[in-house]
Amino acid sequence: LVEDLYKAGYKLYTASTKAEWLCELCIEELRLTHCFEKVCGAGNDGV
């Protein structure tokens, strides 16, 4: 679905409350980094 949305022209963002660097690792594991304009998550400072 993510790949199809990307190909259709949508700008994609994650919106998670887990730490942003951890979101980035997850998206990398899924091999979807190229689909996202920005991986957005909670601040890496934990606050």
ModelCIF file with pLDDT and N, C-alpha, C, O atoms, coordinates in Angstrom:
data_MODEL
#
_entry.id   MODEL 
#
_entity.id                         1 
_entity.type                       polymer 
_entity.pdbx_number_of_molecules   1 
#
_entity_poly.entity_id                      1 
_entity_poly.type                           'polypeptide(L)' 
_entity_poly.nstd_linkage                   no 
_entity_poly.nstd_monomer                   no 
_entity_poly.pdbx_seq_one_letter_code       LVEDLYKAGYKLYTASTKAEWLCELCIEELRLTHCFEKVCGAGNDGV 
_entity_poly.pdbx_seq_one_letter_code_can   LVEDLYKAGYKLYTASTKAEWLCELCIEELRLTHCFEKVCGAGNDGV 
_entity_poly.pdbx_strand_id                 A 
#
loop_
_entity_poly_seq.entity_id 
_entity_poly_seq.num 
_entity_poly_seq.mon_id 
_entity_poly_seq.hetero 
1 1  LEU n 
1 2  VAL n 
1 3  GLU n 
1 4  ASP n 
1 5  LEU n 
1 6  TYR n 
1 7  LYS n 
1 8  ALA n 
1 9  GLY n 
1 10 TYR n 
1 11 LYS n 
1 12 LEU n 
1 13 TYR n 
1 14 THR n 
1 15 ALA n 
1 16 SER n 
1 17 THR n 
1 18 LYS n 
1 19 ALA n 
1 20 GLU n 
1 21 TRP n 
1 22 LEU n 
1 23 CYS n 
1 24 GLU n 
1 25 LEU n 
1 26 CYS n 
1 27 ILE n 
1 28 GLU n 
1 29 GLU n 
1 30 LEU n 
1 31 ARG n 
1 32 LEU n 
1 33 THR n 
1 34 HIS n 
1 35 CYS n 
1 36 PHE n 
1 37 GLU n 
1 38 LYS n 
1 39 VAL n 
1 40 CYS n 
1 41 GLY n 
1 42 ALA n 
1 43 GLY n 
1 44 ASN n 
1 45 ASP n 
1 46 GLY n 
1 47 VAL n 
#
_struct_asym.id          A 
_struct_asym.entity_id   1 
#
loop_
_ma_qa_metric.id 
_ma_qa_metric.mode 
_ma_qa_metric.name 
_ma_qa_metric.software_group_id 
_ma_qa_metric.type 
1 global pLDDT . pLDDT 
2 local  pLDDT . pLDDT 
#
_ma_qa_metric_global.metric_id      1 
_ma_qa_metric_global.metric_value   94.06 
_ma_qa_metric_global.model_id       1 
_ma_qa_metric_global.ordinal_id     1 
#
loop_
_ma_qa_metric_local.label_asym_id 
_ma_qa_metric_local.label_comp_id 
_ma_qa_metric_local.label_seq_id 
_ma_qa_metric_local.metric_id 
_ma_qa_metric_local.metric_value 
_ma_qa_metric_local.model_id 
_ma_qa_metric_local.ordinal_id 
A LEU 1  2 98.00 1 1  
A VAL 2  2 98.00 1 2  
A GLU 3  2 98.00 1 3  
A ASP 4  2 98.00 1 4  
A LEU 5  2 98.00 1 5  
A TYR 6  2 98.00 1 6  
A LYS 7  2 98.00 1 7  
A ALA 8  2 97.00 1 8  
A GLY 9  2 97.00 1 9  
A TYR 10 2 98.00 1 10 
A LYS 11 2 98.00 1 11 
A LEU 12 2 98.00 1 12 
A TYR 13 2 98.00 1 13 
A THR 14 2 98.00 1 14 
A ALA 15 2 97.00 1 15 
A SER 16 2 96.00 1 16 
A THR 17 2 92.00 1 17 
A LYS 18 2 87.00 1 18 
A ALA 19 2 88.00 1 19 
A GLU 20 2 94.00 1 20 
A TRP 21 2 91.00 1 21 
A LEU 22 2 89.00 1 22 
A CYS 23 2 94.00 1 23 
A GLU 24 2 95.00 1 24 
A LEU 25 2 91.00 1 25 
A CYS 26 2 92.00 1 26 
A ILE 27 2 96.00 1 27 
A GLU 28 2 94.00 1 28 
A GLU 29 2 91.00 1 29 
A LEU 30 2 94.00 1 30 
A ARG 31 2 96.00 1 31 
A LEU 32 2 98.00 1 32 
A THR 33 2 98.00 1 33 
A HIS 34 2 98.00 1 34 
A CYS 35 2 98.00 1 35 
A PHE 36 2 98.00 1 36 
A GLU 37 2 98.00 1 37 
A LYS 38 2 98.00 1 38 
A VAL 39 2 98.00 1 39 
A CYS 40 2 98.00 1 40 
A GLY 41 2 96.00 1 41 
A ALA 42 2 93.00 1 42 
A GLY 43 2 91.00 1 43 
A ASN 44 2 86.00 1 44 
A ASP 45 2 82.00 1 45 
A GLY 46 2 70.00 1 46 
A VAL 47 2 74.00 1 47 
#
loop_
_atom_site.group_PDB 
_atom_site.id 
_atom_site.type_symbol 
_atom_site.label_atom_id 
_atom_site.label_alt_id 
_atom_site.label_comp_id 
_atom_site.label_asym_id 
_atom_site.label_entity_id 
_atom_site.label_seq_id 
_atom_site.pdbx_PDB_ins_code 
_atom_site.Cartn_x 
_atom_site.Cartn_y 
_atom_site.Cartn_z 
_atom_site.occupancy 
_atom_site.B_iso_or_equiv 
_atom_site.pdbx_formal_charge 
_atom_site.auth_seq_id 
_atom_site.auth_comp_id 
_atom_site.auth_asym_id 
_atom_site.auth_atom_id 
_atom_site.pdbx_PDB_model_num 
ATOM 1   N N  . LEU A 1 1  ? 0.830  -1.205 0.000  1.00 98.00 ? 1  LEU A N  1 
ATOM 2   C CA . LEU A 1 1  ? 0.000  0.000  0.000  1.00 98.00 ? 1  LEU A CA 1 
ATOM 3   C C  . LEU A 1 1  ? 0.865  1.255  0.000  1.00 98.00 ? 1  LEU A C  1 
ATOM 4   O O  . LEU A 1 1  ? 0.606  2.189  -0.759 1.00 98.00 ? 1  LEU A O  1 
ATOM 5   N N  . VAL A 1 2  ? 1.879  1.280  0.839  1.00 98.00 ? 2  VAL A N  1 
ATOM 6   C CA . VAL A 1 2  ? 2.776  2.440  0.893  1.00 98.00 ? 2  VAL A CA 1 
ATOM 7   C C  . VAL A 1 2  ? 3.413  2.675  -0.474 1.00 98.00 ? 2  VAL A C  1 
ATOM 8   O O  . VAL A 1 2  ? 3.473  3.810  -0.946 1.00 98.00 ? 2  VAL A O  1 
ATOM 9   N N  . GLU A 1 3  ? 3.880  1.624  -1.099 1.00 98.00 ? 3  GLU A N  1 
ATOM 10  C CA . GLU A 1 3  ? 4.507  1.762  -2.407 1.00 98.00 ? 3  GLU A CA 1 
ATOM 11  C C  . GLU A 1 3  ? 3.511  2.272  -3.449 1.00 98.00 ? 3  GLU A C  1 
ATOM 12  O O  . GLU A 1 3  ? 3.865  3.082  -4.306 1.00 98.00 ? 3  GLU A O  1 
ATOM 13  N N  . ASP A 1 4  ? 2.284  1.802  -3.377 1.00 98.00 ? 4  ASP A N  1 
ATOM 14  C CA . ASP A 1 4  ? 1.254  2.251  -4.326 1.00 98.00 ? 4  ASP A CA 1 
ATOM 15  C C  . ASP A 1 4  ? 0.898  3.727  -4.100 1.00 98.00 ? 4  ASP A C  1 
ATOM 16  O O  . ASP A 1 4  ? 0.706  4.473  -5.060 1.00 98.00 ? 4  ASP A O  1 
ATOM 17  N N  . LEU A 1 5  ? 0.811  4.141  -2.841 1.00 98.00 ? 5  LEU A N  1 
ATOM 18  C CA . LEU A 1 5  ? 0.520  5.549  -2.542 1.00 98.00 ? 5  LEU A CA 1 
ATOM 19  C C  . LEU A 1 5  ? 1.639  6.453  -3.047 1.00 98.00 ? 5  LEU A C  1 
ATOM 20  O O  . LEU A 1 5  ? 1.383  7.531  -3.584 1.00 98.00 ? 5  LEU A O  1 
ATOM 21  N N  . TYR A 1 6  ? 2.861  6.012  -2.875 1.00 98.00 ? 6  TYR A N  1 
ATOM 22  C CA . TYR A 1 6  ? 4.028  6.769  -3.343 1.00 98.00 ? 6  TYR A CA 1 
ATOM 23  C C  . TYR A 1 6  ? 3.995  6.903  -4.871 1.00 98.00 ? 6  TYR A C  1 
ATOM 24  O O  . TYR A 1 6  ? 4.198  7.988  -5.416 1.00 98.00 ? 6  TYR A O  1 
ATOM 25  N N  . LYS A 1 7  ? 3.738  5.796  -5.539 1.00 98.00 ? 7  LYS A N  1 
ATOM 26  C CA . LYS A 1 7  ? 3.705  5.817  -7.000 1.00 98.00 ? 7  LYS A CA 1 
ATOM 27  C C  . LYS A 1 7  ? 2.559  6.676  -7.533 1.00 98.00 ? 7  LYS A C  1 
ATOM 28  O O  . LYS A 1 7  ? 2.642  7.232  -8.628 1.00 98.00 ? 7  LYS A O  1 
ATOM 29  N N  . ALA A 1 8  ? 1.482  6.777  -6.735 1.00 97.00 ? 8  ALA A N  1 
ATOM 30  C CA . ALA A 1 8  ? 0.325  7.582  -7.155 1.00 97.00 ? 8  ALA A CA 1 
ATOM 31  C C  . ALA A 1 8  ? 0.573  9.080  -6.999 1.00 97.00 ? 8  ALA A C  1 
ATOM 32  O O  . ALA A 1 8  ? -0.201 9.897  -7.497 1.00 97.00 ? 8  ALA A O  1 
ATOM 33  N N  . GLY A 1 9  ? 1.655  9.437  -6.305 1.00 97.00 ? 9  GLY A N  1 
ATOM 34  C CA . GLY A 1 9  ? 2.003  10.850 -6.187 1.00 97.00 ? 9  GLY A CA 1 
ATOM 35  C C  . GLY A 1 9  ? 1.754  11.491 -4.840 1.00 97.00 ? 9  GLY A C  1 
ATOM 36  O O  . GLY A 1 9  ? 1.968  12.693 -4.686 1.00 97.00 ? 9  GLY A O  1 
ATOM 37  N N  . TYR A 1 10 ? 1.312  10.731 -3.867 1.00 98.00 ? 10 TYR A N  1 
ATOM 38  C CA . TYR A 1 10 ? 1.123  11.286 -2.523 1.00 98.00 ? 10 TYR A CA 1 
ATOM 39  C C  . TYR A 1 10 ? 2.468  11.579 -1.868 1.00 98.00 ? 10 TYR A C  1 
ATOM 40  O O  . TYR A 1 10 ? 3.458  10.886 -2.103 1.00 98.00 ? 10 TYR A O  1 
ATOM 41  N N  . LYS A 1 11 ? 2.481  12.619 -1.045 1.00 98.00 ? 11 LYS A N  1 
ATOM 42  C CA . LYS A 1 11 ? 3.627  12.875 -0.168 1.00 98.00 ? 11 LYS A CA 1 
ATOM 43  C C  . LYS A 1 11 ? 3.370  12.088 1.122  1.00 98.00 ? 11 LYS A C  1 
ATOM 44  O O  . LYS A 1 11 ? 2.343  12.279 1.773  1.00 98.00 ? 11 LYS A O  1 
ATOM 45  N N  . LEU A 1 12 ? 4.285  11.224 1.479  1.00 98.00 ? 12 LEU A N  1 
ATOM 46  C CA . LEU A 1 12 ? 4.092  10.337 2.619  1.00 98.00 ? 12 LEU A CA 1 
ATOM 47  C C  . LEU A 1 12 ? 4.970  10.727 3.797  1.00 98.00 ? 12 LEU A C  1 
ATOM 48  O O  . LEU A 1 12 ? 6.123  11.126 3.637  1.00 98.00 ? 12 LEU A O  1 
ATOM 49  N N  . TYR A 1 13 ? 4.387  10.599 4.988  1.00 98.00 ? 13 TYR A N  1 
ATOM 50  C CA . TYR A 1 13 ? 5.076  10.890 6.244  1.00 98.00 ? 13 TYR A CA 1 
ATOM 51  C C  . TYR A 1 13 ? 4.669  9.836  7.267  1.00 98.00 ? 13 TYR A C  1 
ATOM 52  O O  . TYR A 1 13 ? 3.521  9.391  7.273  1.00 98.00 ? 13 TYR A O  1 
ATOM 53  N N  . THR A 1 14 ? 5.584  9.438  8.117  1.00 98.00 ? 14 THR A N  1 
ATOM 54  C CA . THR A 1 14 ? 5.149  8.673  9.282  1.00 98.00 ? 14 THR A CA 1 
ATOM 55  C C  . THR A 1 14 ? 4.704  9.671  10.349 1.00 98.00 ? 14 THR A C  1 
ATOM 56  O O  . THR A 1 14 ? 5.158  10.815 10.371 1.00 98.00 ? 14 THR A O  1 
ATOM 57  N N  . ALA A 1 15 ? 3.820  9.230  11.222 1.00 97.00 ? 15 ALA A N  1 
ATOM 58  C CA . ALA A 1 15 ? 3.379  10.052 12.356 1.00 97.00 ? 15 ALA A CA 1 
ATOM 59  C C  . ALA A 1 15 ? 3.228  9.105  13.538 1.00 97.00 ? 15 ALA A C  1 
ATOM 60  O O  . ALA A 1 15 ? 2.143  8.600  13.827 1.00 97.00 ? 15 ALA A O  1 
ATOM 61  N N  . SER A 1 16 ? 4.347  8.881  14.209 1.00 96.00 ? 16 SER A N  1 
ATOM 62  C CA . SER A 1 16 ? 4.407  7.908  15.302 1.00 96.00 ? 16 SER A CA 1 
ATOM 63  C C  . SER A 1 16 ? 4.909  8.591  16.561 1.00 96.00 ? 16 SER A C  1 
ATOM 64  O O  . SER A 1 16 ? 5.644  9.576  16.493 1.00 96.00 ? 16 SER A O  1 
ATOM 65  N N  . THR A 1 17 ? 4.507  8.062  17.712 1.00 92.00 ? 17 THR A N  1 
ATOM 66  C CA . THR A 1 17 ? 5.008  8.615  18.971 1.00 92.00 ? 17 THR A CA 1 
ATOM 67  C C  . THR A 1 17 ? 6.165  7.787  19.528 1.00 92.00 ? 17 THR A C  1 
ATOM 68  O O  . THR A 1 17 ? 6.522  7.926  20.698 1.00 92.00 ? 17 THR A O  1 
ATOM 69  N N  . LYS A 1 18 ? 6.752  6.925  18.693 1.00 87.00 ? 18 LYS A N  1 
ATOM 70  C CA . LYS A 1 18 ? 8.018  6.305  19.097 1.00 87.00 ? 18 LYS A CA 1 
ATOM 71  C C  . LYS A 1 18 ? 9.135  7.238  18.642 1.00 87.00 ? 18 LYS A C  1 
ATOM 72  O O  . LYS A 1 18 ? 8.932  8.056  17.745 1.00 87.00 ? 18 LYS A O  1 
ATOM 73  N N  . ALA A 1 19 ? 10.310 7.121  19.253 1.00 88.00 ? 19 ALA A N  1 
ATOM 74  C CA . ALA A 1 19 ? 11.425 8.018  18.947 1.00 88.00 ? 19 ALA A CA 1 
ATOM 75  C C  . ALA A 1 19 ? 11.710 8.039  17.444 1.00 88.00 ? 19 ALA A C  1 
ATOM 76  O O  . ALA A 1 19 ? 11.671 7.005  16.777 1.00 88.00 ? 19 ALA A O  1 
ATOM 77  N N  . GLU A 1 20 ? 11.992 9.217  16.933 1.00 94.00 ? 20 GLU A N  1 
ATOM 78  C CA . GLU A 1 20 ? 12.138 9.366  15.489 1.00 94.00 ? 20 GLU A CA 1 
ATOM 79  C C  . GLU A 1 20 ? 13.242 8.487  14.909 1.00 94.00 ? 20 GLU A C  1 
ATOM 80  O O  . GLU A 1 20 ? 13.073 7.921  13.829 1.00 94.00 ? 20 GLU A O  1 
ATOM 81  N N  . TRP A 1 21 ? 14.367 8.364  15.607 1.00 91.00 ? 21 TRP A N  1 
ATOM 82  C CA . TRP A 1 21 ? 15.450 7.547  15.064 1.00 91.00 ? 21 TRP A CA 1 
ATOM 83  C C  . TRP A 1 21 ? 15.031 6.079  15.007 1.00 91.00 ? 21 TRP A C  1 
ATOM 84  O O  . TRP A 1 21 ? 15.486 5.331  14.142 1.00 91.00 ? 21 TRP A O  1 
ATOM 85  N N  . LEU A 1 22 ? 14.159 5.670  15.935 1.00 89.00 ? 22 LEU A N  1 
ATOM 86  C CA . LEU A 1 22 ? 13.659 4.302  15.925 1.00 89.00 ? 22 LEU A CA 1 
ATOM 87  C C  . LEU A 1 22 ? 12.669 4.112  14.775 1.00 89.00 ? 22 LEU A C  1 
ATOM 88  O O  . LEU A 1 22 ? 12.639 3.056  14.143 1.00 89.00 ? 22 LEU A O  1 
ATOM 89  N N  . CYS A 1 23 ? 11.866 5.134  14.509 1.00 94.00 ? 23 CYS A N  1 
ATOM 90  C CA . CYS A 1 23 ? 10.978 5.098  13.338 1.00 94.00 ? 23 CYS A CA 1 
ATOM 91  C C  . CYS A 1 23 ? 11.811 4.924  12.064 1.00 94.00 ? 23 CYS A C  1 
ATOM 92  O O  . CYS A 1 23 ? 11.455 4.142  11.182 1.00 94.00 ? 23 CYS A O  1 
ATOM 93  N N  . GLU A 1 24 ? 12.902 5.647  11.981 1.00 95.00 ? 24 GLU A N  1 
ATOM 94  C CA . GLU A 1 24 ? 13.760 5.567  10.798 1.00 95.00 ? 24 GLU A CA 1 
ATOM 95  C C  . GLU A 1 24 ? 14.309 4.158  10.605 1.00 95.00 ? 24 GLU A C  1 
ATOM 96  O O  . GLU A 1 24 ? 14.366 3.656  9.483  1.00 95.00 ? 24 GLU A O  1 
ATOM 97  N N  . LEU A 1 25 ? 14.716 3.516  11.720 1.00 91.00 ? 25 LEU A N  1 
ATOM 98  C CA . LEU A 1 25 ? 15.207 2.143  11.632 1.00 91.00 ? 25 LEU A CA 1 
ATOM 99  C C  . LEU A 1 25 ? 14.128 1.200  11.131 1.00 91.00 ? 25 LEU A C  1 
ATOM 100 O O  . LEU A 1 25 ? 14.394 0.327  10.306 1.00 91.00 ? 25 LEU A O  1 
ATOM 101 N N  . CYS A 1 26 ? 12.908 1.374  11.630 1.00 92.00 ? 26 CYS A N  1 
ATOM 102 C CA . CYS A 1 26 ? 11.790 0.523  11.200 1.00 92.00 ? 26 CYS A CA 1 
ATOM 103 C C  . CYS A 1 26 ? 11.513 0.678  9.711  1.00 92.00 ? 26 CYS A C  1 
ATOM 104 O O  . CYS A 1 26 ? 11.332 -0.307 8.995  1.00 92.00 ? 26 CYS A O  1 
ATOM 105 N N  . ILE A 1 27 ? 11.483 1.925  9.257  1.00 96.00 ? 27 ILE A N  1 
ATOM 106 C CA . ILE A 1 27 ? 11.212 2.171  7.837  1.00 96.00 ? 27 ILE A CA 1 
ATOM 107 C C  . ILE A 1 27 ? 12.347 1.625  6.972  1.00 96.00 ? 27 ILE A C  1 
ATOM 108 O O  . ILE A 1 27 ? 12.105 1.119  5.877  1.00 96.00 ? 27 ILE A O  1 
ATOM 109 N N  . GLU A 1 28 ? 13.576 1.727  7.458  1.00 94.00 ? 28 GLU A N  1 
ATOM 110 C CA . GLU A 1 28 ? 14.710 1.135  6.737  1.00 94.00 ? 28 GLU A CA 1 
ATOM 111 C C  . GLU A 1 28 ? 14.575 -0.384 6.653  1.00 94.00 ? 28 GLU A C  1 
ATOM 112 O O  . GLU A 1 28 ? 14.834 -0.981 5.608  1.00 94.00 ? 28 GLU A O  1 
ATOM 113 N N  . GLU A 1 29 ? 14.164 -1.006 7.766  1.00 91.00 ? 29 GLU A N  1 
ATOM 114 C CA . GLU A 1 29 ? 13.979 -2.461 7.785  1.00 91.00 ? 29 GLU A CA 1 
ATOM 115 C C  . GLU A 1 29 ? 12.917 -2.887 6.772  1.00 91.00 ? 29 GLU A C  1 
ATOM 116 O O  . GLU A 1 29 ? 13.011 -3.960 6.177  1.00 91.00 ? 29 GLU A O  1 
ATOM 117 N N  . LEU A 1 30 ? 11.914 -2.044 6.583  1.00 94.00 ? 30 LEU A N  1 
ATOM 118 C CA . LEU A 1 30 ? 10.840 -2.328 5.623  1.00 94.00 ? 30 LEU A CA 1 
ATOM 119 C C  . LEU A 1 30 ? 11.228 -1.973 4.191  1.00 94.00 ? 30 LEU A C  1 
ATOM 120 O O  . LEU A 1 30 ? 10.487 -2.259 3.250  1.00 94.00 ? 30 LEU A O  1 
ATOM 121 N N  . ARG A 1 31 ? 12.402 -1.344 4.029  1.00 96.00 ? 31 ARG A N  1 
ATOM 122 C CA . ARG A 1 31 ? 12.913 -0.908 2.723  1.00 96.00 ? 31 ARG A CA 1 
ATOM 123 C C  . ARG A 1 31 ? 11.955 0.076  2.051  1.00 96.00 ? 31 ARG A C  1 
ATOM 124 O O  . ARG A 1 31 ? 11.671 -0.012 0.857  1.00 96.00 ? 31 ARG A O  1 
ATOM 125 N N  . LEU A 1 32 ? 11.466 1.021  2.867  1.00 98.00 ? 32 LEU A N  1 
ATOM 126 C CA . LEU A 1 32 ? 10.505 2.008  2.370  1.00 98.00 ? 32 LEU A CA 1 
ATOM 127 C C  . LEU A 1 32 ? 11.012 3.445  2.498  1.00 98.00 ? 32 LEU A C  1 
ATOM 128 O O  . LEU A 1 32 ? 10.260 4.389  2.258  1.00 98.00 ? 32 LEU A O  1 
ATOM 129 N N  . THR A 1 33 ? 12.261 3.614  2.867  1.00 98.00 ? 33 THR A N  1 
ATOM 130 C CA . THR A 1 33 ? 12.789 4.962  3.103  1.00 98.00 ? 33 THR A CA 1 
ATOM 131 C C  . THR A 1 33 ? 12.565 5.880  1.908  1.00 98.00 ? 33 THR A C  1 
ATOM 132 O O  . THR A 1 33 ? 12.243 7.056  2.078  1.00 98.00 ? 33 THR A O  1 
ATOM 133 N N  . HIS A 1 34 ? 12.731 5.355  0.719  1.00 98.00 ? 34 HIS A N  1 
ATOM 134 C CA . HIS A 1 34 ? 12.607 6.171  -0.493 1.00 98.00 ? 34 HIS A CA 1 
ATOM 135 C C  . HIS A 1 34 ? 11.188 6.686  -0.709 1.00 98.00 ? 34 HIS A C  1 
ATOM 136 O O  . HIS A 1 34 ? 10.987 7.630  -1.473 1.00 98.00 ? 34 HIS A O  1 
ATOM 137 N N  . CYS A 1 35 ? 10.199 6.080  -0.046 1.00 98.00 ? 35 CYS A N  1 
ATOM 138 C CA . CYS A 1 35 ? 8.797  6.470  -0.248 1.00 98.00 ? 35 CYS A CA 1 
ATOM 139 C C  . CYS A 1 35 ? 8.386  7.681  0.584  1.00 98.00 ? 35 CYS A C  1 
ATOM 140 O O  . CYS A 1 35 ? 7.372  8.318  0.298  1.00 98.00 ? 35 CYS A O  1 
ATOM 141 N N  . PHE A 1 36 ? 9.167  8.000  1.609  1.00 98.00 ? 36 PHE A N  1 
ATOM 142 C CA . PHE A 1 36 ? 8.732  9.005  2.576  1.00 98.00 ? 36 PHE A CA 1 
ATOM 143 C C  . PHE A 1 36 ? 9.449  10.338 2.402  1.00 98.00 ? 36 PHE A C  1 
ATOM 144 O O  . PHE A 1 36 ? 10.672 10.400 2.272  1.00 98.00 ? 36 PHE A O  1 
ATOM 145 N N  . GLU A 1 37 ? 8.646  11.408 2.403  1.00 98.00 ? 37 GLU A N  1 
ATOM 146 C CA . GLU A 1 37 ? 9.203  12.759 2.422  1.00 98.00 ? 37 GLU A CA 1 
ATOM 147 C C  . GLU A 1 37 ? 9.989  12.989 3.703  1.00 98.00 ? 37 GLU A C  1 
ATOM 148 O O  . GLU A 1 37 ? 11.074 13.569 3.697  1.00 98.00 ? 37 GLU A O  1 
ATOM 149 N N  . LYS A 1 38 ? 9.405  12.514 4.810  1.00 98.00 ? 38 LYS A N  1 
ATOM 150 C CA . LYS A 1 38 ? 10.034 12.693 6.123  1.00 98.00 ? 38 LYS A CA 1 
ATOM 151 C C  . LYS A 1 38 ? 9.490  11.633 7.068  1.00 98.00 ? 38 LYS A C  1 
ATOM 152 O O  . LYS A 1 38 ? 8.280  11.415 7.134  1.00 98.00 ? 38 LYS A O  1 
ATOM 153 N N  . VAL A 1 39 ? 10.375 10.983 7.791  1.00 98.00 ? 39 VAL A N  1 
ATOM 154 C CA . VAL A 1 39 ? 9.971  10.058 8.846  1.00 98.00 ? 39 VAL A CA 1 
ATOM 155 C C  . VAL A 1 39 ? 9.832  10.878 10.123 1.00 98.00 ? 39 VAL A C  1 
ATOM 156 O O  . VAL A 1 39 ? 10.822 11.377 10.659 1.00 98.00 ? 39 VAL A O  1 
ATOM 157 N N  . CYS A 1 40 ? 8.612  11.014 10.604 1.00 98.00 ? 40 CYS A N  1 
ATOM 158 C CA . CYS A 1 40 ? 8.330  11.865 11.761 1.00 98.00 ? 40 CYS A CA 1 
ATOM 159 C C  . CYS A 1 40 ? 7.940  11.012 12.962 1.00 98.00 ? 40 CYS A C  1 
ATOM 160 O O  . CYS A 1 40 ? 7.112  10.107 12.863 1.00 98.00 ? 40 CYS A O  1 
ATOM 161 N N  . GLY A 1 41 ? 8.554  11.321 14.087 1.00 96.00 ? 41 GLY A N  1 
ATOM 162 C CA . GLY A 1 41 ? 8.253  10.600 15.315 1.00 96.00 ? 41 GLY A CA 1 
ATOM 163 C C  . GLY A 1 41 ? 8.445  11.495 16.511 1.00 96.00 ? 41 GLY A C  1 
ATOM 164 O O  . GLY A 1 41 ? 8.602  12.709 16.379 1.00 96.00 ? 41 GLY A O  1 
ATOM 165 N N  . ALA A 1 42 ? 8.431  10.889 17.678 1.00 93.00 ? 42 ALA A N  1 
ATOM 166 C CA . ALA A 1 42 ? 8.677  11.649 18.903 1.00 93.00 ? 42 ALA A CA 1 
ATOM 167 C C  . ALA A 1 42 ? 10.123 12.139 18.921 1.00 93.00 ? 42 ALA A C  1 
ATOM 168 O O  . ALA A 1 42 ? 10.988 11.579 18.248 1.00 93.00 ? 42 ALA A O  1 
ATOM 169 N N  . GLY A 1 43 ? 10.369 13.185 19.693 1.00 91.00 ? 43 GLY A N  1 
ATOM 170 C CA . GLY A 1 43 ? 11.715 13.722 19.783 1.00 91.00 ? 43 GLY A CA 1 
ATOM 171 C C  . GLY A 1 43 ? 12.687 12.699 20.320 1.00 91.00 ? 43 GLY A C  1 
ATOM 172 O O  . GLY A 1 43 ? 12.346 11.916 21.206 1.00 91.00 ? 43 GLY A O  1 
ATOM 173 N N  . ASN A 1 44 ? 13.892 12.700 19.793 1.00 86.00 ? 44 ASN A N  1 
ATOM 174 C CA . ASN A 1 44 ? 14.901 11.753 20.252 1.00 86.00 ? 44 ASN A CA 1 
ATOM 175 C C  . ASN A 1 44 ? 15.392 12.044 21.663 1.00 86.00 ? 44 ASN A C  1 
ATOM 176 O O  . ASN A 1 44 ? 16.139 11.254 22.242 1.00 86.00 ? 44 ASN A O  1 
ATOM 177 N N  . ASP A 1 45 ? 14.973 13.179 22.216 1.00 82.00 ? 45 ASP A N  1 
ATOM 178 C CA . ASP A 1 45 ? 15.346 13.516 23.593 1.00 82.00 ? 45 ASP A CA 1 
ATOM 179 C C  . ASP A 1 45 ? 14.432 12.857 24.621 1.00 82.00 ? 45 ASP A C  1 
ATOM 180 O O  . ASP A 1 45 ? 14.663 12.974 25.824 1.00 82.00 ? 45 ASP A O  1 
ATOM 181 N N  . GLY A 1 46 ? 13.392 12.163 24.151 1.00 70.00 ? 46 GLY A N  1 
ATOM 182 C CA . GLY A 1 46 ? 12.479 11.489 25.068 1.00 70.00 ? 46 GLY A CA 1 
ATOM 183 C C  . GLY A 1 46 ? 11.464 12.411 25.712 1.00 70.00 ? 46 GLY A C  1 
ATOM 184 O O  . GLY A 1 46 ? 10.675 11.974 26.550 1.00 70.00 ? 46 GLY A O  1 
ATOM 185 N N  . VAL A 1 47 ? 11.473 13.677 25.335 1.00 74.00 ? 47 VAL A N  1 
ATOM 186 C CA . VAL A 1 47 ? 10.586 14.664 25.959 1.00 74.00 ? 47 VAL A CA 1 
ATOM 187 C C  . VAL A 1 47 ? 9.674  15.333 24.929 1.00 74.00 ? 47 VAL A C  1 
ATOM 188 O O  . VAL A 1 47 ? 8.864  16.189 25.284 1.00 74.00 ? 47 VAL A O  1 
#
